[in-house]
Structures are given as structure tokens and as C-alpha cells.
Amino acid sequence: MAHIRAGDPQVTRRVSEFVRELACKGWYHSFELPNGRKIDGHQSVALQRERLARFGVPEDLRGKRVLDIGCWDGWFSFEMERRGAEVVAADIVERETFGVAREALGSQVEFVLSDVYHLTPDLVGRFDIVLFLGVLYHLKHPLLALERVCALTTDLALVESFVIDDGLDPDAAPMLEYYENEELLGRFDNWCGPNTACVEAFCRTAGFATVESRGVTDQRAHFLCGRQWPAAPSIPRYTPPVITGVVNQRNGESAFDSRVDEYASVFFKSGQPELTRATVLPEIDGFGVCPVSVTTKGGVGWQVDCRIPLDAVQAVRSIRLRTSESEFGAAEPFTVDAPRSRSAQGEFSGVLDIRGVADSATWEDDVVRGDYFSVWVHGMPEATPRQVRVLLGNTDVRVLFVSPLDRQQLRQINVRLPVGIAGGEYEVTVRYGKSITPSHPLRVERDPKTENR
């Protein structure tokens, strides 16, 4: 499909006709008012209904909150209200036409003057449904905008955008054109032209669990974006995954920083074979997130990496997993912006005891062949990785994760072997405060070809 470009005679004519028609009619949306009056805008009521129908929005929205970003004259806002929803409309300009329509309809829709970047849950709350129609390509920072949309959404977002293709190539790579001036339709407020694959990838990257295409018409792509995974199978084939550790993918530590675009590496055990990004379903704070990678660690051990959505500000957050053929396993807490002080261990002098050591990937007891191993300790109070020391002989090893107490009153400590450590027999000890465990034997097996990495 040929791209739309400024300077083309057909484009110039199309833009001039749009500007002239909009100036003449004064309305972008058309309306059918209760008193029988009809407002003839640039877009017909039939077209507006067709745009909305693509997403399958229920007719009954009672009890739902809806946000319409880039509302313009407000037809979609008022239609959501007609269906019973509590509606907030937002735009960077409060148009007189919006007020006229609201008064004529006797509407209670709340208007917020704001761009998408400044719409936050603190400002407007969160919404069951967010409309983001015809806005994306008007933005300099489209992915950031979709992240804001995701943070405001608790269930579904309706995303519609101009695209530079017809969406018919399933193997198309995500691409985006950037328009510095008036390259798109002769308007300087059209900043980018994504292809259909790019819009879809943006929606997943922004934090939505599911992204369903609702077709491309007249170079407009439509996606229904959900924050929840589909329901688990009624008869699961496999037991739920068991999380064994959560660390920061960026630095391997247990700390996460809300100021940074953070990704979590989640280590887990699952009996389901041949797992992929399509069959591992992480959920953070009750919302699904798409994996960016899934890798086997050997045996039943796996690792999934996923982005931590920044739509919550609480310090303690949680992640849980299920697979395509299982229910969710137990949630694992992790902290964001936690203090880094070691002082919390105080004068602890209780009895600590190692109850097990195993390879973190294969779970083979008392041997480690990879780069990580786990230690289970009895008697340890709540602690952060910076408060715990694990020694392999006389060498400190890097503590990545300390779990809450399990049913056996044990805490799991995940550690990483030092780079270049030689294979052989070692003694493991754990220290916390003034206490130290008796030693526990561990055999380190190294591949001679990679031993000095």
C-alpha cells in the first residue's frame, strides 16, 4: 500500500477538503439529539457506531468506569454514558462543541483538560475501559502514551490508530515512520506512522496481557487490549508453577527502582514441557504481563523475563505464574524502592540451620552445575539479600533473593557463584547477625571449556 505523503496532489486536495468541511460544519462528530435535532459533523453517526462496534463493547455498561482520551466533541464519551457507564472525557482542548452536546444530552460526563502523558491514576482514578481512538499517531512519544493508557486500565483498552499498511502481512516486522514537519497529510501534529505490527507490539510492550486485532480499514488499525489472561483450563493437565526466585534482570539483585524501566527475571519449576512465551503467563499485582523471554534451565527449571508495569506505587508487590495448561501458583512478593541498609539485622543471635542445598535450575541436591544455587535455612527472621551472607568456603557469594517463610518454616536463599570459580568440593555456611549455620557440603561442577568465564 502506498504511503500517504504531503505534496501529493490527492493528499493536498484531501487535506484542504477536510479543513474546509470542518470549518463549515464546526463539528467533527455527528449527533442525534433527544429533541430530534441532528448535528452533521465530519464523521457520520453510522461511521462512529461502526468504529465502536469493531471492539464488541457491551450495550450494558452499568457499574463500569470509562475514560475517553482525545474525546474531541465527545460522541464516544456520551455513547458510553448512554450505555450506563460513569465516564470521564479528556483532551488537550475543551471544545465549545463538547459543552453544547453535553448540555443538549443532559450529560454528567466529567471533562478533564490534560494530555495523555499527565493522566495518572492519582489524578483521575482507574477505569474498566479506556478509549484511545485516533490519538496515537498524533504523539511524539507513542509508546510512553500507551504505557500511561495501560496504567489507567483495569480491564480493556480500545486502541485505534492510523497505520502505514493494510495489516495483511502476518510476517511484517514492526516499523514506525517519524514525521518531523508536515509529511503526513500536511499537518505538523501528525508525528508518527506505525505499521500494524508496530501498534500491536507497542500494546504488548506497554503492559497489556492480550492484544487482539479487530481489523484494519482505510489505514486504521483496531486493537482490543486486555489486562487479564484468559481463564485457566477447567481441567489442568499440569500442577501450577512454583516460583523459586525473583531478581532484577538488569543487575541480578533483588532491588527494583520505580524510576527505571525494570524487568524481572523469575525462576520457577514446572512440569509442563517445551514452554514458550505463548504458554507462560505471568501476573503482577493481579494484571497479566507478556513475557519477553522464556528459557529452560534444565530439568523442570525455567526462567521467564517480563516487564514490571509502573501502574502501582506500593513498595511490596507480587508476581505469580501459570502456564497454558495449569492454574496459577502461589504469589511471590518483591519490593520496589526498598531501603538498602544492613542495620535491620541488629543483634540477632538465634539458631540457624541449613536444611538443604540444590542447583537452582535442576534442583539436584548438593551439587551445582550452572551459575546459581539455592539454600534452605531454618530459624532465620525476615531479611533482605543485603542482610544475609552466604559463604562458599571462605568466599562470599552474591545473595540475590530471600523468600518468605514456607510451610516448613524455611527461607529459600538464592545465590550466584563467583565468576571463574573452580570445580570441586566446598562447604556452605549462612550468616545473619551474630549467627552462623553449621556447614553443608556442596559440589561445584564446571565445564573445563567455560570454567574461566
Protein backbone atom coordinates (compact mmCIF):
# COMPACT_ATOMS: atom_id res chain seq x y z
CA MET A 1 0.00 0.00 0.00
CA ALA A 2 1.34 3.42 -0.92
CA HIS A 3 2.10 5.73 1.97
CA ILE A 4 0.21 8.98 2.42
CA ARG A 5 2.58 11.89 1.84
CA ALA A 6 2.35 15.65 1.86
CA GLY A 7 2.88 17.28 -1.51
CA ASP A 8 0.89 14.66 -3.40
CA PRO A 9 -1.94 16.43 -5.27
CA GLN A 10 -4.54 13.96 -3.96
CA VAL A 11 -3.30 14.44 -0.41
CA THR A 12 -3.33 18.21 -0.73
CA ARG A 13 -6.91 18.10 -2.03
CA ARG A 14 -7.99 15.71 0.73
CA VAL A 15 -6.50 17.89 3.47
CA SER A 16 -7.98 21.09 2.09
CA GLU A 17 -11.40 19.45 1.79
CA PHE A 18 -11.21 18.22 5.40
CA VAL A 19 -10.17 21.64 6.72
CA ARG A 20 -12.89 23.38 4.70
CA GLU A 21 -15.61 20.91 5.75
CA LEU A 22 -14.63 21.06 9.42
CA ALA A 23 -14.62 24.88 9.35
CA CYS A 24 -18.02 24.89 7.66
CA LYS A 25 -19.71 22.32 9.88
CA GLY A 26 -17.84 23.17 13.08
CA TRP A 27 -18.19 19.60 14.35
CA TYR A 28 -16.00 16.53 13.90
CA HIS A 29 -18.60 14.12 15.36
CA SER A 30 -22.22 13.88 14.31
CA PHE A 31 -25.05 13.63 16.86
CA GLU A 32 -28.69 12.62 17.08
CA LEU A 33 -30.13 14.62 19.98
CA PRO A 34 -33.15 13.70 22.13
CA ASN A 35 -35.21 16.61 20.75
CA GLY A 36 -34.89 15.22 17.23
CA ARG A 37 -32.20 17.65 16.14
CA LYS A 38 -29.35 16.19 14.13
CA ILE A 39 -25.83 17.65 14.09
CA ASP A 40 -24.00 16.87 10.86
CA GLY A 41 -20.29 16.57 11.63
CA HIS A 42 -17.33 15.40 9.58
CA GLN A 43 -17.90 11.80 10.68
CA SER A 44 -21.38 10.36 10.38
CA VAL A 45 -23.17 8.67 13.27
CA ALA A 46 -23.13 5.46 11.24
CA LEU A 47 -19.35 5.59 10.91
CA GLN A 48 -18.91 6.34 14.61
CA ARG A 49 -21.11 3.37 15.50
CA GLU A 50 -19.16 1.14 13.12
CA ARG A 51 -15.85 2.19 14.71
CA LEU A 52 -17.15 1.33 18.16
CA ALA A 53 -18.84 -1.91 17.06
CA ARG A 54 -15.47 -3.33 15.99
CA PHE A 55 -14.49 -3.70 19.64
CA GLY A 56 -17.59 -5.53 20.82
CA VAL A 57 -18.29 -3.19 23.74
CA PRO A 58 -21.34 -4.45 25.70
CA GLU A 59 -24.56 -2.50 25.43
CA ASP A 60 -24.95 -2.60 29.22
CA LEU A 61 -22.07 -0.82 31.00
CA ARG A 62 -23.79 -0.16 34.30
CA GLY A 63 -21.29 -0.21 37.16
CA LYS A 64 -18.33 0.41 34.82
CA ARG A 65 -15.98 3.39 34.67
CA VAL A 66 -14.89 4.55 31.20
CA LEU A 67 -12.19 7.03 30.16
CA ASP A 68 -12.25 8.60 26.67
CA ILE A 69 -8.82 10.04 25.81
CA GLY A 70 -8.87 12.57 22.96
CA CYS A 71 -12.64 12.94 23.17
CA TRP A 72 -13.00 15.92 20.72
CA ASP A 73 -16.77 16.66 20.51
CA GLY A 74 -17.45 13.68 22.81
CA TRP A 75 -19.71 11.32 20.84
CA PHE A 76 -17.93 8.23 22.18
CA SER A 77 -17.99 9.60 25.74
CA PHE A 78 -21.73 10.25 25.59
CA GLU A 79 -22.38 6.86 23.95
CA MET A 80 -20.58 5.11 26.83
CA GLU A 81 -22.67 7.12 29.27
CA ARG A 82 -25.85 6.16 27.39
CA ARG A 83 -24.91 2.53 27.99
CA GLY A 84 -24.80 3.16 31.73
CA ALA A 85 -21.13 3.84 32.44
CA GLU A 86 -19.61 6.56 34.62
CA VAL A 87 -17.50 8.46 32.10
CA VAL A 88 -14.51 10.81 32.20
CA ALA A 89 -13.56 12.56 28.95
CA ALA A 90 -10.09 14.05 28.42
CA ASP A 91 -8.49 16.20 25.73
CA ILE A 92 -5.87 18.91 25.37
CA VAL A 93 -8.56 21.39 24.28
CA GLU A 94 -12.00 21.86 25.84
CA ARG A 95 -14.06 22.48 22.75
CA GLU A 96 -17.24 24.51 22.88
CA THR A 97 -18.96 21.79 20.87
CA PHE A 98 -18.36 19.30 23.70
CA GLY A 99 -20.17 21.59 26.14
CA VAL A 100 -23.03 22.16 23.71
CA ALA A 101 -23.53 18.41 23.20
CA ARG A 102 -23.25 17.69 26.94
CA GLU A 103 -25.94 20.25 27.76
CA ALA A 104 -28.24 19.09 24.96
CA LEU A 105 -27.93 15.47 26.12
CA GLY A 106 -28.30 16.29 29.81
CA SER A 107 -24.99 14.51 30.32
CA GLN A 108 -23.00 14.07 33.53
CA VAL A 109 -19.73 13.21 31.73
CA GLU A 110 -16.79 14.79 33.55
CA PHE A 111 -14.25 16.64 31.40
CA VAL A 112 -10.54 16.76 32.25
CA LEU A 113 -8.20 19.13 30.42
CA SER A 114 -4.99 17.11 30.02
CA ASP A 115 -2.76 15.35 27.55
CA VAL A 116 -2.32 11.58 27.86
CA TYR A 117 1.14 11.85 29.44
CA HIS A 118 -0.24 13.60 32.54
CA LEU A 119 -3.27 11.38 33.05
CA THR A 120 -2.47 9.25 36.10
CA PRO A 121 -4.47 7.08 38.49
CA ASP A 122 -3.80 9.70 41.17
CA LEU A 123 -5.49 12.36 39.00
CA VAL A 124 -8.47 10.54 37.52
CA GLY A 125 -8.53 7.07 39.10
CA ARG A 126 -8.57 3.83 37.14
CA PHE A 127 -11.07 2.59 34.60
CA ASP A 128 -12.64 -0.65 33.46
CA ILE A 129 -12.50 0.54 29.85
CA VAL A 130 -10.24 3.16 28.25
CA LEU A 131 -10.90 4.55 24.76
CA PHE A 132 -7.77 5.61 22.85
CA LEU A 133 -9.17 6.24 19.40
CA GLY A 134 -7.29 8.14 16.69
CA VAL A 135 -4.71 9.59 19.09
CA LEU A 136 -1.54 7.52 18.86
CA TYR A 137 -0.12 8.94 15.63
CA HIS A 138 -0.57 12.50 16.91
CA LEU A 139 2.04 11.88 19.63
CA LYS A 140 5.81 12.32 19.76
CA HIS A 141 6.10 9.55 22.36
CA PRO A 142 3.59 6.87 21.34
CA LEU A 143 4.93 4.03 23.48
CA LEU A 144 5.05 6.20 26.59
CA ALA A 145 1.45 7.21 25.89
CA LEU A 146 0.35 3.57 25.67
CA GLU A 147 2.11 2.86 28.97
CA ARG A 148 0.00 5.63 30.52
CA VAL A 149 -3.12 4.12 28.94
CA CYS A 150 -2.25 0.70 30.36
CA ALA A 151 -1.68 2.14 33.85
CA LEU A 152 -5.19 3.63 33.77
CA THR A 153 -6.86 0.41 32.57
CA THR A 154 -8.10 -2.40 34.78
CA ASP A 155 -9.81 -4.48 32.08
CA LEU A 156 -9.91 -3.35 28.44
CA ALA A 157 -8.46 -0.60 26.26
CA LEU A 158 -9.76 0.20 22.78
CA VAL A 159 -6.81 1.32 20.64
CA GLU A 160 -7.28 2.70 17.14
CA SER A 161 -4.52 4.31 15.09
CA PHE A 162 -3.59 5.38 11.60
CA VAL A 163 -1.17 2.84 10.09
CA ILE A 164 1.03 2.90 7.01
CA ASP A 165 -0.05 -0.55 5.78
CA ASP A 166 -3.19 -2.64 5.39
CA GLY A 167 -2.27 -5.18 8.06
CA LEU A 168 -2.49 -8.14 5.68
CA ASP A 169 1.12 -9.33 6.06
CA PRO A 170 1.30 -11.58 9.17
CA ASP A 171 5.11 -11.67 8.95
CA ALA A 172 5.63 -7.91 8.78
CA ALA A 173 8.30 -6.56 11.12
CA PRO A 174 7.22 -3.74 13.46
CA MET A 175 8.14 -0.40 11.86
CA LEU A 176 7.38 3.25 12.52
CA GLU A 177 7.90 6.33 10.38
CA TYR A 178 8.63 9.62 12.11
CA TYR A 179 7.38 12.88 10.61
CA GLU A 180 9.37 15.93 11.61
CA ASN A 181 7.16 18.51 9.95
CA GLU A 182 4.14 18.10 7.66
CA GLU A 183 4.97 14.84 5.90
CA LEU A 184 1.72 13.14 6.97
CA LEU A 185 -1.36 14.77 5.43
CA GLY A 186 0.28 18.17 5.51
CA ARG A 187 -0.27 18.52 9.28
CA PHE A 188 2.52 19.18 11.75
CA ASP A 189 0.61 17.49 14.60
CA ASN A 190 0.87 14.08 12.91
CA TRP A 191 4.14 12.82 14.37
CA CYS A 192 4.40 9.15 13.50
CA GLY A 193 3.10 6.46 11.20
CA PRO A 194 3.39 2.94 12.63
CA ASN A 195 2.60 -0.17 10.68
CA THR A 196 0.02 -2.57 12.10
CA ALA A 197 2.66 -4.88 13.58
CA CYS A 198 4.21 -1.92 15.39
CA VAL A 199 0.94 -0.88 17.05
CA GLU A 200 0.41 -4.47 18.19
CA ALA A 201 3.97 -4.72 19.57
CA PHE A 202 3.62 -1.35 21.30
CA CYS A 203 0.47 -2.54 23.08
CA ARG A 204 2.19 -5.66 24.41
CA THR A 205 5.30 -3.74 25.43
CA ALA A 206 3.17 -1.13 27.22
CA GLY A 207 1.95 -3.85 29.59
CA PHE A 208 -1.23 -5.39 28.17
CA ALA A 209 -1.55 -9.15 28.58
CA THR A 210 -3.68 -9.74 25.49
CA VAL A 211 -3.72 -7.78 22.24
CA GLU A 212 -6.43 -8.82 19.78
CA SER A 213 -6.64 -7.39 16.27
CA ARG A 214 -10.08 -6.13 15.28
CA GLY A 215 -9.10 -5.44 11.69
CA VAL A 216 -7.67 -2.65 9.54
CA THR A 217 -9.95 -0.40 7.48
CA ASP A 218 -8.97 2.69 5.50
CA GLN A 219 -5.49 2.58 7.06
CA ARG A 220 -6.91 2.48 10.59
CA ALA A 221 -5.85 -0.46 12.77
CA HIS A 222 -8.04 -1.51 15.69
CA PHE A 223 -6.82 -3.50 18.72
CA LEU A 224 -8.70 -4.70 21.78
CA CYS A 225 -6.16 -4.79 24.61
CA GLY A 226 -6.81 -6.71 27.83
CA ARG A 227 -5.08 -6.68 31.21
CA GLN A 228 -6.20 -10.18 32.22
CA TRP A 229 -5.16 -13.58 30.88
CA PRO A 230 -7.89 -15.92 29.62
CA ALA A 231 -9.35 -18.22 32.24
CA ALA A 232 -7.30 -21.26 33.22
CA PRO A 233 -8.42 -24.60 31.77
CA SER A 234 -11.24 -26.25 33.73
CA ILE A 235 -9.21 -29.47 33.93
CA PRO A 236 -5.49 -28.52 34.16
CA ARG A 237 -3.01 -31.05 32.79
CA TYR A 238 -0.14 -29.86 35.00
CA THR A 239 0.36 -28.63 38.53
CA PRO A 240 0.88 -24.87 38.99
CA PRO A 241 4.40 -23.45 38.53
CA VAL A 242 6.44 -22.92 41.70
CA ILE A 243 8.45 -19.69 41.80
CA THR A 244 11.90 -20.19 43.28
CA GLY A 245 13.31 -16.70 42.88
CA VAL A 246 12.68 -13.18 41.56
CA VAL A 247 15.59 -10.89 40.67
CA ASN A 248 16.19 -7.71 38.73
CA GLN A 249 17.05 -8.69 35.14
CA ARG A 250 19.25 -5.61 34.82
CA ASN A 251 21.69 -6.33 37.64
CA GLY A 252 20.75 -9.68 39.19
CA GLU A 253 19.86 -8.09 42.53
CA SER A 254 16.58 -8.28 44.41
CA ALA A 255 16.04 -4.49 44.42
CA PHE A 256 13.80 -2.73 41.88
CA ASP A 257 13.73 1.00 41.20
CA SER A 258 10.47 2.76 40.25
CA ARG A 259 12.44 5.42 38.35
CA VAL A 260 13.82 2.84 35.90
CA ASP A 261 12.18 0.72 33.22
CA GLU A 262 12.59 -2.53 35.15
CA TYR A 263 12.32 -6.17 34.10
CA ALA A 264 12.10 -9.14 36.45
CA SER A 265 13.79 -12.49 35.93
CA VAL A 266 11.54 -15.08 37.54
CA PHE A 267 12.93 -18.57 38.19
CA PHE A 268 10.37 -21.32 38.53
CA LYS A 269 9.69 -25.05 38.36
CA SER A 270 7.07 -26.51 36.03
CA GLY A 271 6.29 -29.99 34.83
CA GLN A 272 4.86 -28.72 31.53
CA PRO A 273 7.43 -29.34 28.75
CA GLU A 274 8.54 -27.05 25.93
CA LEU A 275 7.35 -23.80 27.48
CA THR A 276 7.37 -20.65 25.33
CA ARG A 277 6.35 -17.00 25.59
CA ALA A 278 2.90 -18.08 24.44
CA THR A 279 2.46 -20.68 27.19
CA VAL A 280 3.94 -18.92 30.26
CA LEU A 281 1.50 -16.37 31.71
CA PRO A 282 2.94 -14.07 34.40
CA GLU A 283 0.69 -11.87 36.50
CA ILE A 284 1.93 -8.88 38.53
CA ASP A 285 -0.35 -7.30 41.14
CA GLY A 286 -3.36 -9.03 39.60
CA PHE A 287 -2.67 -7.99 35.98
CA GLY A 288 -1.24 -10.14 33.21
CA VAL A 289 2.04 -9.12 31.56
CA CYS A 290 3.61 -10.50 28.39
CA PRO A 291 6.92 -12.38 28.74
CA VAL A 292 9.84 -11.06 26.72
CA SER A 293 11.76 -14.34 27.01
CA VAL A 294 11.33 -17.87 28.36
CA THR A 295 14.38 -20.12 28.73
CA THR A 296 14.93 -23.59 30.09
CA LYS A 297 17.42 -24.00 32.94
CA GLY A 298 17.49 -27.79 32.69
CA GLY A 299 15.18 -30.41 34.14
CA VAL A 300 11.99 -28.78 35.41
CA GLY A 301 13.73 -25.42 35.93
CA TRP A 302 12.73 -22.39 33.86
CA GLN A 303 13.26 -18.64 33.68
CA VAL A 304 10.79 -16.05 32.42
CA ASP A 305 11.67 -12.37 31.98
CA CYS A 306 8.89 -9.78 32.00
CA ARG A 307 8.46 -6.05 32.43
CA ILE A 308 7.21 -4.66 35.72
CA PRO A 309 4.36 -2.26 34.85
CA LEU A 310 4.70 1.06 36.66
CA ASP A 311 0.99 1.44 37.34
CA ALA A 312 1.30 0.86 41.08
CA VAL A 313 3.27 2.72 43.72
CA GLN A 314 3.17 0.27 46.62
CA ALA A 315 6.55 -0.86 47.95
CA VAL A 316 5.60 -4.54 48.23
CA ARG A 317 4.29 -6.08 45.05
CA SER A 318 3.66 -9.65 43.96
CA ILE A 319 4.07 -11.92 40.98
CA ARG A 320 2.56 -15.29 40.22
CA LEU A 321 2.65 -17.62 37.21
CA ARG A 322 0.52 -20.09 35.41
CA THR A 323 1.02 -21.96 32.17
CA SER A 324 -1.40 -22.57 29.33
CA GLU A 325 -2.20 -25.95 30.90
CA SER A 326 -2.21 -25.11 34.62
CA GLU A 327 -3.75 -22.89 37.24
CA PHE A 328 -1.84 -20.06 38.95
CA GLY A 329 0.77 -20.97 41.52
CA ALA A 330 1.40 -19.13 44.78
CA ALA A 331 2.28 -15.44 44.53
CA GLU A 332 5.82 -14.33 45.36
CA PRO A 333 6.33 -10.86 46.86
CA PHE A 334 9.06 -8.47 45.73
CA THR A 335 9.92 -4.95 46.77
CA VAL A 336 10.35 -1.69 44.87
CA ASP A 337 12.44 1.19 46.25
CA ALA A 338 13.30 -0.81 49.38
CA PRO A 339 15.90 0.64 51.79
CA ARG A 340 19.37 -0.81 51.33
CA SER A 341 20.55 -0.67 54.94
CA ARG A 342 22.13 -3.71 56.59
CA SER A 343 21.32 -2.41 60.07
CA ALA A 344 17.94 -4.18 60.30
CA GLN A 345 19.62 -7.47 61.26
CA GLY A 346 20.52 -5.88 64.62
CA GLU A 347 21.82 -8.19 67.29
CA PHE A 348 20.11 -11.37 66.10
CA SER A 349 21.77 -14.40 67.69
CA GLY A 350 19.21 -17.20 67.21
CA VAL A 351 19.94 -20.69 65.95
CA LEU A 352 20.22 -21.06 62.17
CA ASP A 353 20.34 -24.39 60.36
CA ILE A 354 20.74 -25.33 56.68
CA ARG A 355 18.08 -27.87 55.68
CA GLY A 356 19.05 -28.24 52.03
CA VAL A 357 21.20 -27.01 49.13
CA ALA A 358 20.43 -27.58 45.44
CA ASP A 359 21.14 -26.35 41.92
CA SER A 360 18.61 -23.55 41.25
CA ALA A 361 17.84 -24.85 37.77
CA THR A 362 17.79 -28.64 38.03
CA TRP A 363 17.06 -28.94 41.80
CA GLU A 364 19.66 -31.67 42.12
CA ASP A 365 20.69 -31.86 45.78
CA ASP A 366 24.16 -30.86 46.99
CA VAL A 367 25.57 -30.10 43.53
CA VAL A 368 25.58 -27.06 41.25
CA ARG A 369 26.40 -27.27 37.55
CA GLY A 370 25.10 -23.88 36.47
CA ASP A 371 25.70 -20.42 37.90
CA TYR A 372 23.05 -20.40 40.66
CA PHE A 373 22.21 -22.49 43.70
CA SER A 374 19.62 -22.30 46.47
CA VAL A 375 19.95 -22.78 50.23
CA TRP A 376 17.05 -23.51 52.60
CA VAL A 377 17.58 -22.17 56.12
CA HIS A 378 15.56 -22.74 59.29
CA GLY A 379 15.39 -20.17 62.06
CA MET A 380 16.03 -17.02 60.02
CA PRO A 381 13.76 -13.98 60.59
CA GLU A 382 12.58 -11.77 57.74
CA ALA A 383 15.61 -10.41 55.89
CA THR A 384 16.75 -8.73 52.70
CA PRO A 385 19.55 -10.09 50.49
CA ARG A 386 21.85 -7.33 51.74
CA GLN A 387 21.43 -8.55 55.32
CA VAL A 388 22.45 -12.15 54.63
CA ARG A 389 25.91 -13.57 53.93
CA VAL A 390 26.41 -16.90 52.19
CA LEU A 391 29.94 -18.28 52.10
CA LEU A 392 31.36 -20.97 49.86
CA GLY A 393 34.36 -21.95 51.92
CA ASN A 394 35.83 -18.55 52.80
CA THR A 395 34.39 -16.79 49.72
CA ASP A 396 31.32 -14.57 49.88
CA VAL A 397 28.81 -15.39 47.16
CA ARG A 398 26.23 -12.97 45.83
CA VAL A 399 22.82 -13.24 47.51
CA LEU A 400 20.01 -12.49 45.07
CA PHE A 401 16.83 -13.44 46.87
CA VAL A 402 15.47 -14.31 50.31
CA SER A 403 11.98 -15.81 50.36
CA PRO A 404 9.19 -15.50 52.91
CA LEU A 405 8.75 -18.47 55.24
CA ASP A 406 7.33 -21.56 53.57
CA ARG A 407 5.14 -24.22 55.18
CA GLN A 408 8.19 -25.89 56.72
CA GLN A 409 9.26 -22.56 58.26
CA LEU A 410 12.21 -22.37 55.87
CA ARG A 411 13.54 -19.43 53.91
CA GLN A 412 14.97 -20.05 50.46
CA ILE A 413 18.13 -18.07 49.66
CA ASN A 414 19.18 -17.89 46.01
CA VAL A 415 22.82 -17.06 45.28
CA ARG A 416 25.12 -16.74 42.30
CA LEU A 417 28.50 -18.40 42.06
CA PRO A 418 31.54 -16.14 41.74
CA VAL A 419 32.85 -15.74 38.19
CA GLY A 420 35.71 -18.13 37.45
CA ILE A 421 35.21 -20.37 40.48
CA ALA A 422 36.89 -23.75 40.11
CA GLY A 423 35.02 -27.01 40.36
CA GLY A 424 35.42 -29.06 43.49
CA GLU A 425 34.07 -29.78 46.96
CA TYR A 426 33.07 -26.82 49.14
CA GLU A 427 31.37 -26.10 52.47
CA VAL A 428 28.39 -23.72 52.50
CA THR A 429 27.57 -21.57 55.53
CA VAL A 430 24.99 -18.83 56.07
CA ARG A 431 25.41 -15.84 58.40
CA TYR A 432 22.81 -13.44 59.73
CA GLY A 433 23.53 -11.02 62.55
CA LYS A 434 25.69 -12.83 65.08
CA SER A 435 24.51 -16.28 63.99
CA ILE A 436 26.11 -18.74 61.59
CA THR A 437 24.84 -22.11 60.39
CA PRO A 438 26.79 -25.36 60.58
CA SER A 439 28.46 -26.03 57.23
CA HIS A 440 26.79 -28.03 54.47
CA PRO A 441 28.69 -29.81 51.65
CA LEU A 442 28.26 -28.69 48.03
CA ARG A 443 29.99 -29.99 44.91
CA VAL A 444 30.63 -27.44 42.17
CA GLU A 445 30.94 -28.97 38.72
CA ARG A 446 32.44 -26.83 35.97
CA ASP A 447 32.78 -27.41 32.24
CA PRO A 448 36.53 -27.03 31.54
CA LYS A 449 35.70 -25.08 28.36
CA THR A 450 33.80 -22.41 30.32
CA GLU A 451 35.42 -22.58 33.74
CA ASN A 452 37.24 -19.24 33.37
CA ARG A 453 34.30 -17.22 32.06
